[in-house]
């Protein structure tokens, strides 16, 4: 029996939308909460990236990692266009999920 794995590539930002953070995880809810609480030291804690603006789901970790790297190579305006295509108001999507 094969198990289906899920991975997410996601984009976080701070309240004023001055920075964008792109990451990959196998547990979007857990990872969102780590960002929200600032429990993991680094970029997202320093810049208070606690709003989930965008995500994509994958069943293959290599595809997710490749997509993360692709998005990280994009200019900011292209990243913002991607976010706006699914989240035109740039709202914290986690709140819509009741997180």
C-alpha atoms as a PDB file:
ATOM      1  CA  UNK A   1       0.000   0.000   0.000  1.00  0.00           C
ATOM      2  CA  UNK A   2       1.376   3.365  -0.978  1.00  0.00           C
ATOM      3  CA  UNK A   3       0.727   6.420   1.096  1.00  0.00           C
ATOM      4  CA  UNK A   4      -0.008   9.761  -0.462  1.00  0.00           C
ATOM      5  CA  UNK A   5       2.243  12.507   0.764  1.00  0.00           C
ATOM      6  CA  UNK A   6       1.320  16.147   0.626  1.00  0.00           C
ATOM      7  CA  UNK A   7       3.678  19.076   0.341  1.00  0.00           C
ATOM      8  CA  UNK A   8       2.977  22.755   0.051  1.00  0.00           C
ATOM      9  CA  UNK A   9       4.910  25.635  -1.445  1.00  0.00           C
ATOM     10  CA  UNK A  10       3.701  28.783   0.259  1.00  0.00           C
ATOM     11  CA  UNK A  11       4.222  32.517   0.418  1.00  0.00           C
ATOM     12  CA  UNK A  12       4.081  34.447   3.689  1.00  0.00           C
ATOM     13  CA  UNK A  13       4.275  38.171   4.327  1.00  0.00           C
ATOM     14  CA  UNK A  14       4.187  40.639   7.184  1.00  0.00           C
ATOM     15  CA  UNK A  15       1.226  42.910   7.984  1.00  0.00           C
ATOM     16  CA  UNK A  16       2.443  45.780   5.799  1.00  0.00           C
ATOM     17  CA  UNK A  17       3.371  43.434   2.912  1.00  0.00           C
ATOM     18  CA  UNK A  18       6.913  44.800   2.703  1.00  0.00           C
ATOM     19  CA  UNK A  19       8.556  41.362   2.484  1.00  0.00           C
ATOM     20  CA  UNK A  20       7.672  38.017   0.912  1.00  0.00           C
ATOM     21  CA  UNK A  21       8.899  34.659   2.176  1.00  0.00           C
ATOM     22  CA  UNK A  22       8.657  31.476   0.117  1.00  0.00           C
ATOM     23  CA  UNK A  23       8.921  28.082   1.758  1.00  0.00           C
ATOM     24  CA  UNK A  24       8.041  24.407   1.385  1.00  0.00           C
ATOM     25  CA  UNK A  25       6.539  22.128   4.035  1.00  0.00           C
ATOM     26  CA  UNK A  26       4.792  18.812   4.542  1.00  0.00           C
ATOM     27  CA  UNK A  27       2.405  20.317   7.108  1.00  0.00           C
ATOM     28  CA  UNK A  28       1.052  23.722   6.132  1.00  0.00           C
ATOM     29  CA  UNK A  29      -0.976  24.203   9.313  1.00  0.00           C
ATOM     30  CA  UNK A  30       1.999  23.442  11.586  1.00  0.00           C
ATOM     31  CA  UNK A  31       4.348  25.591   9.548  1.00  0.00           C
ATOM     32  CA  UNK A  32       1.905  28.495   9.482  1.00  0.00           C
ATOM     33  CA  UNK A  33       1.669  28.364  13.275  1.00  0.00           C
ATOM     34  CA  UNK A  34       5.463  28.321  13.587  1.00  0.00           C
ATOM     35  CA  UNK A  35       5.608  31.494  11.503  1.00  0.00           C
ATOM     36  CA  UNK A  36       2.691  33.078  13.358  1.00  0.00           C
ATOM     37  CA  UNK A  37       4.200  32.477  16.798  1.00  0.00           C
ATOM     38  CA  UNK A  38       7.754  33.312  15.720  1.00  0.00           C
ATOM     39  CA  UNK A  39       8.960  30.047  17.219  1.00  0.00           C
ATOM     40  CA  UNK A  40      11.558  29.472  14.501  1.00  0.00           C
ATOM     41  CA  UNK A  41      14.460  31.890  14.387  1.00  0.00           C
ATOM     42  CA  UNK A  42      15.361  33.418  11.054  1.00  0.00           C
ATOM     43  CA  UNK A  43      13.963  35.618   8.316  1.00  0.00           C
ATOM     44  CA  UNK A  44      10.275  35.159   9.073  1.00  0.00           C
ATOM     45  CA  UNK A  45      10.746  35.843  12.780  1.00  0.00           C
ATOM     46  CA  UNK A  46      12.895  38.902  12.091  1.00  0.00           C
ATOM     47  CA  UNK A  47      10.436  40.387   9.599  1.00  0.00           C
ATOM     48  CA  UNK A  48       7.291  39.071  11.354  1.00  0.00           C
ATOM     49  CA  UNK A  49       5.999  37.121   8.362  1.00  0.00           C
ATOM     50  CA  UNK A  50       2.809  35.735   9.834  1.00  0.00           C
ATOM     51  CA  UNK A  51       0.265  36.056   6.999  1.00  0.00           C
ATOM     52  CA  UNK A  52      -0.264  33.222   4.528  1.00  0.00           C
ATOM     53  CA  UNK A  53      -0.892  34.813   1.142  1.00  0.00           C
ATOM     54  CA  UNK A  54      -0.541  31.913  -1.289  1.00  0.00           C
ATOM     55  CA  UNK A  55       0.078  28.171  -1.481  1.00  0.00           C
ATOM     56  CA  UNK A  56       0.260  25.302  -3.939  1.00  0.00           C
ATOM     57  CA  UNK A  57      -0.115  21.602  -3.108  1.00  0.00           C
ATOM     58  CA  UNK A  58       2.098  18.786  -4.411  1.00  0.00           C
ATOM     59  CA  UNK A  59       2.260  15.016  -3.948  1.00  0.00           C
ATOM     60  CA  UNK A  60       5.954  14.838  -4.821  1.00  0.00           C
ATOM     61  CA  UNK A  61       8.565  16.489  -2.621  1.00  0.00           C
ATOM     62  CA  UNK A  62      11.014  16.974  -5.496  1.00  0.00           C
ATOM     63  CA  UNK A  63       8.390  18.845  -7.513  1.00  0.00           C
ATOM     64  CA  UNK A  64       7.573  21.026  -4.502  1.00  0.00           C
ATOM     65  CA  UNK A  65      11.227  21.859  -3.898  1.00  0.00           C
ATOM     66  CA  UNK A  66      11.765  22.631  -7.585  1.00  0.00           C
ATOM     67  CA  UNK A  67       8.756  24.963  -7.564  1.00  0.00           C
ATOM     68  CA  UNK A  68       9.994  26.695  -4.400  1.00  0.00           C
ATOM     69  CA  UNK A  69      13.343  27.337  -6.068  1.00  0.00           C
ATOM     70  CA  UNK A  70      11.618  28.577  -9.218  1.00  0.00           C
ATOM     71  CA  UNK A  71       9.469  31.060  -7.283  1.00  0.00           C
ATOM     72  CA  UNK A  72      12.434  32.277  -5.257  1.00  0.00           C
ATOM     73  CA  UNK A  73      14.146  33.173  -8.536  1.00  0.00           C
ATOM     74  CA  UNK A  74      11.297  35.385  -9.668  1.00  0.00           C
ATOM     75  CA  UNK A  75      11.241  39.156  -9.369  1.00  0.00           C
ATOM     76  CA  UNK A  76       8.910  40.533  -6.712  1.00  0.00           C
ATOM     77  CA  UNK A  77       6.375  41.863  -9.232  1.00  0.00           C
ATOM     78  CA  UNK A  78       5.928  38.387 -10.725  1.00  0.00           C
ATOM     79  CA  UNK A  79       5.445  36.897  -7.239  1.00  0.00           C
ATOM     80  CA  UNK A  80       2.839  39.558  -6.465  1.00  0.00           C
ATOM     81  CA  UNK A  81       1.025  38.796  -9.719  1.00  0.00           C
ATOM     82  CA  UNK A  82       0.920  35.099  -8.768  1.00  0.00           C
ATOM     83  CA  UNK A  83      -0.503  35.924  -5.330  1.00  0.00           C
ATOM     84  CA  UNK A  84      -3.073  38.309  -6.829  1.00  0.00           C
ATOM     85  CA  UNK A  85      -4.252  35.640  -9.276  1.00  0.00           C
ATOM     86  CA  UNK A  86      -5.714  33.674  -6.336  1.00  0.00           C
ATOM     87  CA  UNK A  87      -5.798  36.237  -3.550  1.00  0.00           C
ATOM     88  CA  UNK A  88      -6.447  39.675  -5.104  1.00  0.00           C
ATOM     89  CA  UNK A  89      -6.897  41.414  -1.751  1.00  0.00           C
ATOM     90  CA  UNK A  90      -3.692  39.897  -0.291  1.00  0.00           C
ATOM     91  CA  UNK A  91      -5.628  38.705   2.780  1.00  0.00           C
ATOM     92  CA  UNK A  92      -4.259  36.220   5.293  1.00  0.00           C
ATOM     93  CA  UNK A  93      -5.712  33.009   3.869  1.00  0.00           C
ATOM     94  CA  UNK A  94      -5.154  31.170   7.144  1.00  0.00           C
ATOM     95  CA  UNK A  95      -7.917  33.227   8.748  1.00  0.00           C
ATOM     96  CA  UNK A  96     -10.325  31.968   6.088  1.00  0.00           C
ATOM     97  CA  UNK A  97      -9.471  28.428   7.212  1.00  0.00           C
ATOM     98  CA  UNK A  98     -10.110  29.359  10.840  1.00  0.00           C
ATOM     99  CA  UNK A  99      -6.433  28.997  11.772  1.00  0.00           C
END
